[in-house]
């Protein structure tokens, strides 16, 4: 176990005053996630191993991960499974129920939950994402197929669209 809080506290002292690490909890949380991944790669490099990521398909599609933090990994064994499918797999593997039913959270601040950040449960998110991304349903078709209000569907699609940069390799200029 490596505690990153002492390092984070030291970094707060080193960061120029124009960057506020004590204001927005997402900024500080993203830094913490990147520090954790730095240590994961340090350990992997030292032991000649790869870093396994925990991000699932729901999180990947919504961009609900820290770029170069928990989103950085050498492979994503759960990356093609929606969160609801991860829970089903966990039940098949006899993972203790208290772990399966634990409220998902990025842990950036007390009482934070994925549901409050994303505006819907994973059951709803996965149903919308599966139909929108995997089968190409339109928002109108989603509204008629699911018991989900229009505003929620639009918010989920907006999360998906805005996260495109997190799902692609950084652009590289091409030669003429």
N, C-alpha and C. Protein backbone atom coordinates (compact mmCIF):
# COMPACT_ATOMS: atom_id res chain seq x y z
N UNK A 1 0.84 -1.18 0.00
CA UNK A 1 0.00 0.00 0.00
C UNK A 1 0.88 1.24 0.00
N UNK A 2 0.60 2.12 -0.92
CA UNK A 2 1.32 3.39 -1.00
C UNK A 2 0.30 4.50 -0.78
N UNK A 3 0.53 5.31 0.20
CA UNK A 3 -0.37 6.42 0.49
C UNK A 3 0.08 7.64 -0.31
N UNK A 4 -0.79 8.13 -1.18
CA UNK A 4 -0.43 9.25 -2.05
C UNK A 4 -0.73 10.61 -1.41
N UNK A 5 -1.48 10.63 -0.30
CA UNK A 5 -1.84 11.91 0.30
C UNK A 5 -0.64 12.75 0.72
N UNK A 6 0.42 12.17 1.32
CA UNK A 6 1.59 13.01 1.65
C UNK A 6 2.23 13.63 0.41
N UNK A 7 2.30 12.87 -0.67
CA UNK A 7 2.85 13.41 -1.91
C UNK A 7 1.94 14.50 -2.46
N UNK A 8 0.63 14.26 -2.42
CA UNK A 8 -0.33 15.25 -2.88
C UNK A 8 -0.20 16.54 -2.08
N UNK A 9 -0.06 16.43 -0.77
CA UNK A 9 0.10 17.61 0.08
C UNK A 9 1.37 18.38 -0.31
N UNK A 10 2.43 17.65 -0.60
CA UNK A 10 3.68 18.30 -1.01
C UNK A 10 3.50 18.99 -2.37
N UNK A 11 2.81 18.33 -3.29
CA UNK A 11 2.58 18.93 -4.61
C UNK A 11 1.76 20.21 -4.50
N UNK A 12 0.79 20.24 -3.60
CA UNK A 12 -0.02 21.44 -3.41
C UNK A 12 0.89 22.62 -3.08
N UNK A 13 1.93 22.38 -2.29
CA UNK A 13 2.88 23.44 -1.94
C UNK A 13 3.75 23.86 -3.12
N UNK A 14 3.98 22.95 -4.07
CA UNK A 14 4.87 23.24 -5.20
C UNK A 14 4.16 23.86 -6.40
N UNK A 15 2.87 23.65 -6.50
CA UNK A 15 2.12 24.12 -7.66
C UNK A 15 2.01 25.64 -7.63
N UNK A 16 2.19 26.29 -8.80
CA UNK A 16 2.06 27.75 -8.83
C UNK A 16 0.68 28.20 -8.32
N UNK A 17 0.64 29.37 -7.74
CA UNK A 17 -0.58 29.86 -7.12
C UNK A 17 -1.72 30.06 -8.12
N UNK A 18 -1.42 30.13 -9.41
CA UNK A 18 -2.48 30.29 -10.41
C UNK A 18 -3.29 29.00 -10.60
N UNK A 19 -2.79 27.88 -10.06
CA UNK A 19 -3.51 26.61 -10.12
C UNK A 19 -4.03 26.30 -8.73
N UNK A 20 -5.35 26.18 -8.62
CA UNK A 20 -5.97 25.98 -7.31
C UNK A 20 -6.32 24.50 -7.11
N UNK A 21 -5.49 23.79 -6.36
CA UNK A 21 -5.74 22.38 -6.09
C UNK A 21 -6.68 22.18 -4.90
N UNK A 22 -7.04 23.26 -4.24
CA UNK A 22 -7.94 23.14 -3.09
C UNK A 22 -9.36 23.57 -3.42
N UNK A 23 -9.61 24.02 -4.63
CA UNK A 23 -10.94 24.49 -5.01
C UNK A 23 -11.82 23.38 -5.54
N UNK A 24 -11.68 23.09 -6.80
CA UNK A 24 -12.50 22.09 -7.48
C UNK A 24 -12.06 20.68 -7.08
N UNK A 25 -12.93 19.90 -6.43
CA UNK A 25 -12.52 18.55 -6.00
C UNK A 25 -12.22 17.60 -7.16
N UNK A 26 -12.76 17.87 -8.34
CA UNK A 26 -12.48 17.02 -9.49
C UNK A 26 -11.02 17.20 -9.93
N UNK A 27 -10.53 18.43 -9.90
CA UNK A 27 -9.14 18.69 -10.28
C UNK A 27 -8.20 17.94 -9.34
N UNK A 28 -8.46 18.04 -8.06
CA UNK A 28 -7.62 17.36 -7.07
C UNK A 28 -7.78 15.83 -7.19
N UNK A 29 -9.01 15.37 -7.42
CA UNK A 29 -9.26 13.94 -7.58
C UNK A 29 -8.55 13.37 -8.80
N UNK A 30 -8.57 14.12 -9.91
CA UNK A 30 -7.86 13.67 -11.11
C UNK A 30 -6.36 13.59 -10.86
N UNK A 31 -5.82 14.55 -10.14
CA UNK A 31 -4.40 14.51 -9.80
C UNK A 31 -4.09 13.27 -8.95
N UNK A 32 -4.95 13.00 -7.99
CA UNK A 32 -4.77 11.82 -7.12
C UNK A 32 -4.79 10.54 -7.96
N UNK A 33 -5.74 10.44 -8.90
CA UNK A 33 -5.82 9.26 -9.77
C UNK A 33 -4.56 9.12 -10.61
N UNK A 34 -4.01 10.23 -11.08
CA UNK A 34 -2.79 10.17 -11.88
C UNK A 34 -1.58 9.77 -11.03
N UNK A 35 -1.56 10.21 -9.79
CA UNK A 35 -0.47 9.80 -8.89
C UNK A 35 -0.55 8.30 -8.61
N UNK A 36 -1.77 7.79 -8.38
CA UNK A 36 -1.93 6.34 -8.15
C UNK A 36 -1.42 5.56 -9.36
N UNK A 37 -1.77 6.02 -10.57
CA UNK A 37 -1.34 5.30 -11.76
C UNK A 37 0.17 5.41 -11.94
N UNK A 38 0.77 6.53 -11.54
CA UNK A 38 2.23 6.66 -11.59
C UNK A 38 2.88 5.56 -10.75
N UNK A 39 2.34 5.33 -9.56
CA UNK A 39 2.89 4.28 -8.69
C UNK A 39 2.61 2.89 -9.26
N UNK A 40 1.45 2.70 -9.88
CA UNK A 40 1.15 1.39 -10.49
C UNK A 40 2.16 1.09 -11.59
N UNK A 41 2.47 2.09 -12.42
CA UNK A 41 3.46 1.88 -13.47
C UNK A 41 4.87 1.75 -12.92
N UNK A 42 5.17 2.45 -11.85
CA UNK A 42 6.48 2.29 -11.21
C UNK A 42 6.67 0.85 -10.76
N UNK A 43 5.64 0.30 -10.10
CA UNK A 43 5.72 -1.09 -9.63
C UNK A 43 5.79 -2.06 -10.82
N UNK A 44 4.98 -1.82 -11.84
CA UNK A 44 4.99 -2.71 -13.02
C UNK A 44 6.35 -2.68 -13.71
N UNK A 45 6.91 -1.49 -13.87
CA UNK A 45 8.24 -1.38 -14.50
C UNK A 45 9.29 -2.11 -13.69
N UNK A 46 9.24 -1.94 -12.38
CA UNK A 46 10.23 -2.57 -11.51
C UNK A 46 10.14 -4.09 -11.56
N UNK A 47 8.92 -4.62 -11.68
CA UNK A 47 8.73 -6.07 -11.65
C UNK A 47 8.60 -6.68 -13.04
N UNK A 48 8.70 -5.86 -14.09
CA UNK A 48 8.58 -6.39 -15.45
C UNK A 48 7.18 -6.88 -15.76
N UNK A 49 6.19 -6.15 -15.30
CA UNK A 49 4.79 -6.56 -15.49
C UNK A 49 4.01 -5.49 -16.24
N UNK A 50 2.75 -5.78 -16.49
CA UNK A 50 1.82 -4.85 -17.13
C UNK A 50 0.81 -4.35 -16.11
N UNK A 51 0.22 -3.20 -16.38
CA UNK A 51 -0.80 -2.64 -15.50
C UNK A 51 -2.18 -3.01 -16.04
N UNK A 52 -2.96 -3.70 -15.21
CA UNK A 52 -4.34 -4.04 -15.55
C UNK A 52 -5.25 -2.92 -15.09
N UNK A 53 -6.09 -2.44 -15.98
CA UNK A 53 -7.04 -1.38 -15.64
C UNK A 53 -8.37 -1.95 -15.20
N UNK A 54 -9.13 -1.16 -14.49
CA UNK A 54 -10.43 -1.61 -13.98
C UNK A 54 -11.61 -0.96 -14.72
N UNK A 55 -11.33 -0.10 -15.68
CA UNK A 55 -12.40 0.63 -16.36
C UNK A 55 -13.26 -0.34 -17.17
N UNK A 56 -14.59 -0.17 -17.06
CA UNK A 56 -15.52 -1.02 -17.80
C UNK A 56 -16.09 -0.25 -19.00
N UNK A 57 -16.89 -0.91 -19.82
CA UNK A 57 -17.44 -0.29 -21.04
C UNK A 57 -18.29 0.93 -20.73
N UNK A 58 -19.10 0.88 -19.69
CA UNK A 58 -19.95 2.02 -19.33
C UNK A 58 -19.09 3.24 -19.07
N UNK A 59 -18.05 3.07 -18.27
CA UNK A 59 -17.16 4.18 -17.92
C UNK A 59 -16.39 4.67 -19.15
N UNK A 60 -15.94 3.74 -19.99
CA UNK A 60 -15.23 4.13 -21.21
C UNK A 60 -16.10 4.97 -22.13
N UNK A 61 -17.32 4.51 -22.35
CA UNK A 61 -18.22 5.23 -23.26
C UNK A 61 -18.59 6.60 -22.73
N UNK A 62 -18.74 6.72 -21.42
CA UNK A 62 -19.14 8.00 -20.82
C UNK A 62 -17.95 8.90 -20.48
N UNK A 63 -16.73 8.37 -20.64
CA UNK A 63 -15.56 9.15 -20.26
C UNK A 63 -15.47 9.33 -18.76
N UNK A 64 -16.06 8.40 -18.02
CA UNK A 64 -16.10 8.51 -16.56
C UNK A 64 -14.86 7.84 -15.96
N UNK A 65 -13.73 8.43 -16.27
CA UNK A 65 -12.44 7.99 -15.75
C UNK A 65 -11.49 9.16 -15.93
N UNK A 66 -10.37 9.10 -15.25
CA UNK A 66 -9.37 10.15 -15.36
C UNK A 66 -8.40 9.79 -16.47
N UNK A 67 -8.33 10.65 -17.46
CA UNK A 67 -7.39 10.45 -18.56
C UNK A 67 -5.97 10.43 -17.98
N UNK A 68 -5.23 9.39 -18.29
CA UNK A 68 -3.88 9.16 -17.78
C UNK A 68 -3.87 8.93 -16.26
N UNK A 69 -5.02 8.61 -15.72
CA UNK A 69 -5.14 8.20 -14.31
C UNK A 69 -5.66 6.78 -14.31
N UNK A 70 -6.88 6.57 -13.77
CA UNK A 70 -7.43 5.22 -13.77
C UNK A 70 -7.76 4.74 -15.18
N UNK A 71 -7.78 5.65 -16.16
CA UNK A 71 -8.01 5.26 -17.55
C UNK A 71 -6.75 4.78 -18.25
N UNK A 72 -5.60 4.96 -17.62
CA UNK A 72 -4.33 4.51 -18.21
C UNK A 72 -4.07 3.07 -17.76
N UNK A 73 -3.79 2.21 -18.71
CA UNK A 73 -3.51 0.81 -18.39
C UNK A 73 -2.95 0.14 -19.63
N UNK A 74 -2.32 -0.99 -19.43
CA UNK A 74 -1.81 -1.76 -20.56
C UNK A 74 -2.88 -2.66 -21.16
N UNK A 75 -3.84 -3.05 -20.34
CA UNK A 75 -4.98 -3.82 -20.85
C UNK A 75 -6.16 -3.62 -19.90
N UNK A 76 -7.37 -3.76 -20.45
CA UNK A 76 -8.61 -3.56 -19.70
C UNK A 76 -9.45 -4.84 -19.76
N UNK A 77 -9.28 -5.74 -18.81
CA UNK A 77 -10.02 -7.01 -18.88
C UNK A 77 -11.53 -6.84 -18.81
N UNK A 78 -12.01 -5.72 -18.25
CA UNK A 78 -13.45 -5.48 -18.16
C UNK A 78 -13.92 -4.45 -19.18
N UNK A 79 -13.03 -4.00 -20.04
CA UNK A 79 -13.31 -2.89 -20.94
C UNK A 79 -14.43 -3.10 -21.93
N UNK A 80 -14.82 -4.33 -22.21
CA UNK A 80 -15.91 -4.58 -23.15
C UNK A 80 -17.20 -4.99 -22.43
N UNK A 81 -17.19 -4.92 -21.11
CA UNK A 81 -18.38 -5.29 -20.33
C UNK A 81 -19.01 -4.05 -19.72
N UNK A 82 -20.32 -3.91 -19.92
CA UNK A 82 -21.05 -2.84 -19.24
C UNK A 82 -21.02 -3.10 -17.74
N UNK A 83 -21.21 -2.06 -16.95
CA UNK A 83 -21.17 -2.18 -15.48
C UNK A 83 -22.16 -3.25 -15.00
N UNK A 84 -23.34 -3.29 -15.57
CA UNK A 84 -24.32 -4.31 -15.17
C UNK A 84 -23.82 -5.71 -15.49
N UNK A 85 -23.05 -5.87 -16.57
CA UNK A 85 -22.47 -7.16 -16.92
C UNK A 85 -21.32 -7.51 -15.97
N UNK A 86 -20.58 -6.51 -15.52
CA UNK A 86 -19.52 -6.75 -14.55
C UNK A 86 -20.13 -7.29 -13.26
N UNK A 87 -21.25 -6.70 -12.84
CA UNK A 87 -21.92 -7.19 -11.63
C UNK A 87 -22.41 -8.62 -11.82
N UNK A 88 -22.96 -8.93 -12.98
CA UNK A 88 -23.43 -10.29 -13.25
C UNK A 88 -22.26 -11.28 -13.23
N UNK A 89 -21.15 -10.89 -13.82
CA UNK A 89 -19.95 -11.73 -13.80
C UNK A 89 -19.47 -11.94 -12.37
N UNK A 90 -19.47 -10.88 -11.59
CA UNK A 90 -19.04 -10.98 -10.18
C UNK A 90 -19.91 -11.99 -9.42
N UNK A 91 -21.22 -12.00 -9.70
CA UNK A 91 -22.10 -12.97 -9.04
C UNK A 91 -21.75 -14.39 -9.47
N UNK A 92 -21.45 -14.57 -10.75
CA UNK A 92 -21.06 -15.89 -11.26
C UNK A 92 -19.77 -16.37 -10.61
N UNK A 93 -18.90 -15.43 -10.28
CA UNK A 93 -17.61 -15.77 -9.67
C UNK A 93 -17.68 -15.82 -8.14
N UNK A 94 -18.89 -15.70 -7.60
CA UNK A 94 -19.12 -15.73 -6.14
C UNK A 94 -18.38 -14.63 -5.39
N UNK A 95 -18.28 -13.46 -6.01
CA UNK A 95 -17.75 -12.29 -5.30
C UNK A 95 -18.76 -11.95 -4.21
N UNK A 96 -18.31 -11.63 -3.01
CA UNK A 96 -19.26 -11.30 -1.93
C UNK A 96 -20.24 -10.20 -2.33
N UNK A 97 -21.48 -10.40 -1.97
CA UNK A 97 -22.56 -9.48 -2.36
C UNK A 97 -22.30 -8.04 -1.91
N UNK A 98 -21.68 -7.86 -0.73
CA UNK A 98 -21.45 -6.49 -0.26
C UNK A 98 -20.51 -5.73 -1.20
N UNK A 99 -19.65 -6.44 -1.90
CA UNK A 99 -18.77 -5.79 -2.87
C UNK A 99 -19.56 -5.46 -4.14
N UNK A 100 -20.36 -6.40 -4.59
CA UNK A 100 -21.16 -6.20 -5.81
C UNK A 100 -22.13 -5.04 -5.64
N UNK A 101 -22.75 -4.95 -4.50
CA UNK A 101 -23.78 -3.93 -4.26
C UNK A 101 -23.23 -2.62 -3.71
N UNK A 102 -21.92 -2.56 -3.49
CA UNK A 102 -21.33 -1.33 -2.98
C UNK A 102 -21.61 -0.18 -3.95
N UNK A 103 -21.98 0.96 -3.42
CA UNK A 103 -22.29 2.12 -4.24
C UNK A 103 -21.03 2.56 -5.01
N UNK A 104 -21.06 2.54 -6.34
CA UNK A 104 -19.88 2.95 -7.10
C UNK A 104 -19.57 4.43 -6.90
N UNK A 105 -18.30 4.74 -6.73
CA UNK A 105 -17.87 6.13 -6.56
C UNK A 105 -16.44 6.30 -7.03
N UNK A 106 -16.15 7.49 -7.55
CA UNK A 106 -14.78 7.83 -7.90
C UNK A 106 -13.99 8.15 -6.63
N UNK A 107 -14.69 8.46 -5.55
CA UNK A 107 -14.04 8.72 -4.26
C UNK A 107 -13.33 10.06 -4.20
N UNK A 108 -13.73 11.00 -5.03
CA UNK A 108 -13.06 12.30 -5.03
C UNK A 108 -13.45 13.16 -3.82
N UNK A 109 -14.66 12.95 -3.29
CA UNK A 109 -15.10 13.68 -2.10
C UNK A 109 -16.11 12.83 -1.36
N UNK A 110 -16.33 13.10 -0.08
CA UNK A 110 -17.28 12.31 0.70
C UNK A 110 -18.69 12.38 0.08
N UNK A 111 -19.38 11.27 0.10
CA UNK A 111 -20.76 11.18 -0.39
C UNK A 111 -20.87 11.22 -1.92
N UNK A 112 -19.77 11.29 -2.64
CA UNK A 112 -19.83 11.27 -4.10
C UNK A 112 -20.25 9.89 -4.56
N UNK A 113 -21.10 9.83 -5.58
CA UNK A 113 -21.47 8.55 -6.19
C UNK A 113 -21.47 8.70 -7.71
N UNK A 114 -21.27 7.60 -8.39
CA UNK A 114 -21.35 7.61 -9.85
C UNK A 114 -22.74 8.06 -10.28
N UNK A 115 -23.76 7.56 -9.59
CA UNK A 115 -25.14 7.90 -9.96
C UNK A 115 -25.39 9.40 -9.89
N UNK A 116 -24.90 10.06 -8.83
CA UNK A 116 -25.13 11.50 -8.74
C UNK A 116 -24.32 12.25 -9.80
N UNK A 117 -23.14 11.79 -10.11
CA UNK A 117 -22.32 12.44 -11.14
C UNK A 117 -22.91 12.24 -12.54
N UNK A 118 -23.38 11.04 -12.82
CA UNK A 118 -23.84 10.69 -14.16
C UNK A 118 -25.34 10.91 -14.37
N UNK A 119 -26.07 11.09 -13.29
CA UNK A 119 -27.49 11.40 -13.41
C UNK A 119 -28.41 10.22 -13.62
N UNK A 120 -27.90 9.01 -13.45
CA UNK A 120 -28.75 7.82 -13.64
C UNK A 120 -28.03 6.60 -13.06
N UNK A 121 -28.80 5.55 -12.82
CA UNK A 121 -28.22 4.29 -12.37
C UNK A 121 -27.52 3.61 -13.54
N UNK A 122 -26.65 2.67 -13.23
CA UNK A 122 -25.99 1.93 -14.32
C UNK A 122 -26.98 1.10 -15.12
N UNK A 123 -28.06 0.67 -14.51
CA UNK A 123 -29.08 -0.07 -15.26
C UNK A 123 -29.62 0.82 -16.39
N UNK A 124 -29.91 2.08 -16.06
CA UNK A 124 -30.42 3.01 -17.07
C UNK A 124 -29.33 3.40 -18.05
N UNK A 125 -28.16 3.75 -17.54
CA UNK A 125 -27.05 4.14 -18.41
C UNK A 125 -26.73 3.04 -19.42
N UNK A 126 -26.62 1.81 -18.93
CA UNK A 126 -26.26 0.69 -19.81
C UNK A 126 -27.33 0.42 -20.86
N UNK A 127 -28.58 0.53 -20.47
CA UNK A 127 -29.67 0.30 -21.43
C UNK A 127 -29.62 1.35 -22.54
N UNK A 128 -29.43 2.60 -22.17
CA UNK A 128 -29.36 3.67 -23.17
C UNK A 128 -28.11 3.51 -24.03
N UNK A 129 -26.96 3.34 -23.39
CA UNK A 129 -25.71 3.23 -24.14
C UNK A 129 -25.71 2.04 -25.09
N UNK A 130 -26.18 0.90 -24.62
CA UNK A 130 -26.21 -0.29 -25.48
C UNK A 130 -27.03 -0.02 -26.74
N UNK A 131 -28.21 0.52 -26.54
CA UNK A 131 -29.08 0.76 -27.70
C UNK A 131 -28.53 1.89 -28.60
N UNK A 132 -28.00 2.93 -28.00
CA UNK A 132 -27.51 4.07 -28.78
C UNK A 132 -26.20 3.75 -29.50
N UNK A 133 -25.24 3.17 -28.78
CA UNK A 133 -23.90 2.93 -29.33
C UNK A 133 -23.84 1.62 -30.11
N UNK A 134 -24.35 0.55 -29.53
CA UNK A 134 -24.17 -0.77 -30.12
C UNK A 134 -25.18 -1.08 -31.23
N UNK A 135 -26.40 -0.55 -31.11
CA UNK A 135 -27.41 -0.87 -32.12
C UNK A 135 -27.83 0.32 -32.97
N UNK A 136 -27.35 1.52 -32.62
CA UNK A 136 -27.62 2.70 -33.45
C UNK A 136 -29.01 3.29 -33.31
N UNK A 137 -29.66 3.05 -32.20
CA UNK A 137 -30.99 3.64 -31.99
C UNK A 137 -30.90 5.16 -31.92
N UNK A 138 -31.90 5.81 -32.42
CA UNK A 138 -32.00 7.27 -32.31
C UNK A 138 -32.56 7.63 -30.94
N UNK A 139 -32.40 8.88 -30.52
CA UNK A 139 -33.01 9.29 -29.24
C UNK A 139 -34.52 9.03 -29.20
N UNK A 140 -35.20 9.22 -30.32
CA UNK A 140 -36.64 8.98 -30.37
C UNK A 140 -36.94 7.49 -30.15
N UNK A 141 -36.15 6.63 -30.77
CA UNK A 141 -36.33 5.18 -30.59
C UNK A 141 -36.02 4.78 -29.14
N UNK A 142 -35.03 5.42 -28.54
CA UNK A 142 -34.71 5.14 -27.14
C UNK A 142 -35.89 5.49 -26.24
N UNK A 143 -36.49 6.64 -26.47
CA UNK A 143 -37.63 7.07 -25.64
C UNK A 143 -38.79 6.10 -25.75
N UNK A 144 -39.03 5.57 -26.94
CA UNK A 144 -40.16 4.64 -27.08
C UNK A 144 -39.83 3.25 -26.57
N UNK A 145 -38.54 2.87 -26.58
CA UNK A 145 -38.15 1.53 -26.14
C UNK A 145 -37.91 1.42 -24.64
N UNK A 146 -37.54 2.54 -24.01
CA UNK A 146 -37.17 2.52 -22.60
C UNK A 146 -38.08 3.42 -21.77
N UNK A 147 -38.20 3.09 -20.53
CA UNK A 147 -38.96 3.94 -19.61
C UNK A 147 -38.00 4.96 -18.98
N UNK A 148 -37.46 5.84 -19.85
CA UNK A 148 -36.49 6.84 -19.42
C UNK A 148 -36.92 8.17 -20.03
N UNK A 149 -36.91 9.21 -19.21
CA UNK A 149 -37.38 10.50 -19.71
C UNK A 149 -36.39 11.11 -20.71
N UNK A 150 -36.91 11.99 -21.55
CA UNK A 150 -36.15 12.59 -22.65
C UNK A 150 -34.90 13.33 -22.16
N UNK A 151 -35.02 14.08 -21.09
CA UNK A 151 -33.89 14.84 -20.56
C UNK A 151 -32.74 13.93 -20.11
N UNK A 152 -33.10 12.83 -19.47
CA UNK A 152 -32.06 11.89 -19.01
C UNK A 152 -31.36 11.23 -20.20
N UNK A 153 -32.12 10.85 -21.20
CA UNK A 153 -31.54 10.26 -22.41
C UNK A 153 -30.59 11.25 -23.06
N UNK A 154 -31.02 12.50 -23.18
CA UNK A 154 -30.17 13.53 -23.79
C UNK A 154 -28.90 13.74 -22.99
N UNK A 155 -28.99 13.71 -21.67
CA UNK A 155 -27.81 13.91 -20.83
C UNK A 155 -26.82 12.75 -21.00
N UNK A 156 -27.33 11.53 -21.09
CA UNK A 156 -26.46 10.36 -21.28
C UNK A 156 -25.76 10.45 -22.64
N UNK A 157 -26.51 10.79 -23.68
CA UNK A 157 -25.92 10.92 -25.01
C UNK A 157 -24.89 12.05 -25.03
N UNK A 158 -25.18 13.13 -24.33
CA UNK A 158 -24.23 14.25 -24.25
C UNK A 158 -22.92 13.82 -23.57
N UNK A 159 -23.04 13.05 -22.47
CA UNK A 159 -21.83 12.51 -21.81
C UNK A 159 -21.02 11.68 -22.81
N UNK A 160 -21.71 10.83 -23.54
CA UNK A 160 -21.05 9.97 -24.52
C UNK A 160 -20.35 10.79 -25.59
N UNK A 161 -21.06 11.74 -26.18
CA UNK A 161 -20.49 12.56 -27.26
C UNK A 161 -19.31 13.39 -26.77
N UNK A 162 -19.41 13.97 -25.58
CA UNK A 162 -18.35 14.84 -25.06
C UNK A 162 -17.10 14.04 -24.67
N UNK A 163 -17.22 12.75 -24.49
CA UNK A 163 -16.08 11.91 -24.07
C UNK A 163 -15.32 11.31 -25.24
N UNK A 164 -15.66 11.69 -26.46
CA UNK A 164 -15.01 11.09 -27.64
C UNK A 164 -13.49 11.21 -27.56
N UNK A 165 -12.98 12.33 -27.07
CA UNK A 165 -11.53 12.52 -27.00
C UNK A 165 -10.86 11.53 -26.05
N UNK A 166 -11.62 11.02 -25.08
CA UNK A 166 -11.04 10.06 -24.14
C UNK A 166 -11.00 8.65 -24.73
N UNK A 167 -11.74 8.43 -25.79
CA UNK A 167 -11.81 7.09 -26.39
C UNK A 167 -10.92 6.96 -27.63
N UNK A 168 -10.12 7.97 -27.92
CA UNK A 168 -9.30 7.91 -29.13
C UNK A 168 -7.84 8.22 -28.81
N UNK A 169 -7.00 7.80 -29.72
CA UNK A 169 -5.57 8.09 -29.60
C UNK A 169 -5.39 9.59 -29.87
N UNK A 170 -4.50 10.24 -29.16
CA UNK A 170 -4.29 11.67 -29.41
C UNK A 170 -3.97 11.93 -30.88
N UNK A 171 -4.53 13.01 -31.43
CA UNK A 171 -4.27 13.29 -32.85
C UNK A 171 -2.80 13.62 -33.09
N UNK A 172 -2.35 13.21 -34.25
CA UNK A 172 -0.97 13.47 -34.66
C UNK A 172 -0.99 14.15 -36.01
N UNK A 173 -0.25 15.24 -36.17
CA UNK A 173 -0.20 15.89 -37.50
C UNK A 173 0.35 14.90 -38.53
N UNK A 174 -0.12 15.00 -39.75
CA UNK A 174 0.36 14.12 -40.81
C UNK A 174 1.24 14.92 -41.77
N UNK A 175 2.15 14.23 -42.42
CA UNK A 175 3.01 14.86 -43.42
C UNK A 175 2.23 15.07 -44.70
N UNK A 176 2.59 16.10 -45.41
CA UNK A 176 1.95 16.36 -46.71
C UNK A 176 2.54 15.48 -47.77
